[in-house]
Amino acid sequence: MPQYFFHVTDGHSRYRDEEGSLHLSFADACAEASRIAGELARDGADPGFIVCVVDHDGNEIARVPIDEKTY
């Protein structure tokens, strides 16, 4: 099962997910990124932040913006 990391960035600051988590597919990893973005939006994160999905090789493979429409 592939490991994915979910970093949060606003283009300047980056909060790295050092542990990551295992997901069955790319689609499952994107669903997890959406869940994280929704949780951060509910917690009041600034809309300019993005959850970046990164594969085990360090390649950014998807981005989910954090905004009021995320949740």
C-alpha atoms as a PDB file:
ATOM      1  CA  MET A   1       0.000   0.000   0.000  1.00  0.00           C
ATOM      2  CA  PRO A   2       1.531   3.361  -1.009  1.00  0.00           C
ATOM      3  CA  GLN A   3       2.478   5.970   1.573  1.00  0.00           C
ATOM      4  CA  TYR A   4       1.409   9.588   1.064  1.00  0.00           C
ATOM      5  CA  PHE A   5       2.278  12.778   2.927  1.00  0.00           C
ATOM      6  CA  PHE A   6      -0.010  15.763   3.425  1.00  0.00           C
ATOM      7  CA  HIS A   7       1.948  19.006   3.684  1.00  0.00           C
ATOM      8  CA  VAL A   8       0.159  22.302   4.310  1.00  0.00           C
ATOM      9  CA  THR A   9       1.463  25.483   2.685  1.00  0.00           C
ATOM     10  CA  ASP A  10       0.471  29.055   1.907  1.00  0.00           C
ATOM     11  CA  GLY A  11       3.231  29.495  -0.668  1.00  0.00           C
ATOM     12  CA  HIS A  12       5.672  30.882   1.898  1.00  0.00           C
ATOM     13  CA  SER A  13       5.375  28.716   5.000  1.00  0.00           C
ATOM     14  CA  ARG A  14       5.234  24.946   4.798  1.00  0.00           C
ATOM     15  CA  TYR A  15       4.065  22.586   7.516  1.00  0.00           C
ATOM     16  CA  ARG A  16       5.474  19.161   6.719  1.00  0.00           C
ATOM     17  CA  ASP A  17       3.752  15.877   7.437  1.00  0.00           C
ATOM     18  CA  GLU A  18       6.724  13.812   8.603  1.00  0.00           C
ATOM     19  CA  GLU A  19       4.793  10.565   9.225  1.00  0.00           C
ATOM     20  CA  GLY A  20       2.465  10.253   6.259  1.00  0.00           C
ATOM     21  CA  SER A  21      -0.138   7.528   6.000  1.00  0.00           C
ATOM     22  CA  LEU A  22      -0.909   4.515   3.832  1.00  0.00           C
ATOM     23  CA  HIS A  23      -3.728   4.643   1.281  1.00  0.00           C
ATOM     24  CA  LEU A  24      -4.995   2.094  -1.221  1.00  0.00           C
ATOM     25  CA  SER A  25      -4.972   4.501  -4.149  1.00  0.00           C
ATOM     26  CA  PHE A  26      -4.338   8.015  -5.387  1.00  0.00           C
ATOM     27  CA  ALA A  27      -8.098   8.657  -5.103  1.00  0.00           C
ATOM     28  CA  ASP A  28      -8.066   7.607  -1.439  1.00  0.00           C
ATOM     29  CA  ALA A  29      -5.115   9.933  -0.777  1.00  0.00           C
ATOM     30  CA  CYS A  30      -6.987  12.822  -2.433  1.00  0.00           C
ATOM     31  CA  ALA A  31     -10.052  12.060  -0.314  1.00  0.00           C
ATOM     32  CA  GLU A  32      -7.843  12.227   2.793  1.00  0.00           C
ATOM     33  CA  ALA A  33      -6.431  15.580   1.622  1.00  0.00           C
ATOM     34  CA  SER A  34      -9.998  16.883   1.233  1.00  0.00           C
ATOM     35  CA  ARG A  35     -10.862  15.663   4.725  1.00  0.00           C
ATOM     36  CA  ILE A  36      -7.791  17.414   6.148  1.00  0.00           C
ATOM     37  CA  ALA A  37      -8.597  20.623   4.244  1.00  0.00           C
ATOM     38  CA  GLY A  38     -12.170  20.557   5.559  1.00  0.00           C
ATOM     39  CA  GLU A  39     -11.001  20.026   9.118  1.00  0.00           C
ATOM     40  CA  LEU A  40      -8.522  22.902   8.841  1.00  0.00           C
ATOM     41  CA  ALA A  41     -11.207  25.166   7.329  1.00  0.00           C
ATOM     42  CA  ARG A  42     -13.587  24.367  10.209  1.00  0.00           C
ATOM     43  CA  ASP A  43     -10.767  25.127  12.652  1.00  0.00           C
ATOM     44  CA  GLY A  44     -10.322  28.585  11.083  1.00  0.00           C
ATOM     45  CA  ALA A  45      -7.273  28.116   8.841  1.00  0.00           C
ATOM     46  CA  ASP A  46      -6.713  30.966   6.415  1.00  0.00           C
ATOM     47  CA  PRO A  47      -8.239  30.331   2.973  1.00  0.00           C
ATOM     48  CA  GLY A  48      -4.850  30.867   1.287  1.00  0.00           C
ATOM     49  CA  PHE A  49      -3.491  27.557   2.560  1.00  0.00           C
ATOM     50  CA  ILE A  50      -3.312  24.380   0.478  1.00  0.00           C
ATOM     51  CA  VAL A  51      -2.979  20.717   1.417  1.00  0.00           C
ATOM     52  CA  CYS A  52      -0.339  19.191  -0.863  1.00  0.00           C
ATOM     53  CA  VAL A  53      -0.427  15.438  -1.465  1.00  0.00           C
ATOM     54  CA  VAL A  54       3.107  14.098  -1.827  1.00  0.00           C
ATOM     55  CA  ASP A  55       4.016  10.537  -2.819  1.00  0.00           C
ATOM     56  CA  HIS A  56       6.703   8.383  -1.191  1.00  0.00           C
ATOM     57  CA  ASP A  57       9.270   9.665  -3.726  1.00  0.00           C
ATOM     58  CA  GLY A  58       8.675  13.288  -2.689  1.00  0.00           C
ATOM     59  CA  ASN A  59       6.675  14.253  -5.791  1.00  0.00           C
ATOM     60  CA  GLU A  60       3.730  16.582  -5.273  1.00  0.00           C
ATOM     61  CA  ILE A  61       0.825  14.860  -7.010  1.00  0.00           C
ATOM     62  CA  ALA A  62      -2.228  16.883  -5.954  1.00  0.00           C
ATOM     63  CA  ARG A  63      -3.309  20.096  -4.208  1.00  0.00           C
ATOM     64  CA  VAL A  64      -6.498  20.764  -2.257  1.00  0.00           C
ATOM     65  CA  PRO A  65      -7.197  24.403  -1.346  1.00  0.00           C
ATOM     66  CA  ILE A  66      -8.470  25.249   2.120  1.00  0.00           C
ATOM     67  CA  ASP A  67     -11.507  27.502   1.846  1.00  0.00           C
ATOM     68  CA  GLU A  68     -15.019  27.810   3.231  1.00  0.00           C
ATOM     69  CA  LYS A  69     -16.341  25.587   0.421  1.00  0.00           C
ATOM     70  CA  THR A  70     -14.041  22.703   1.407  1.00  0.00           C
ATOM     71  CA  TYR A  71     -16.348  21.374   4.092  1.00  0.00           C
END
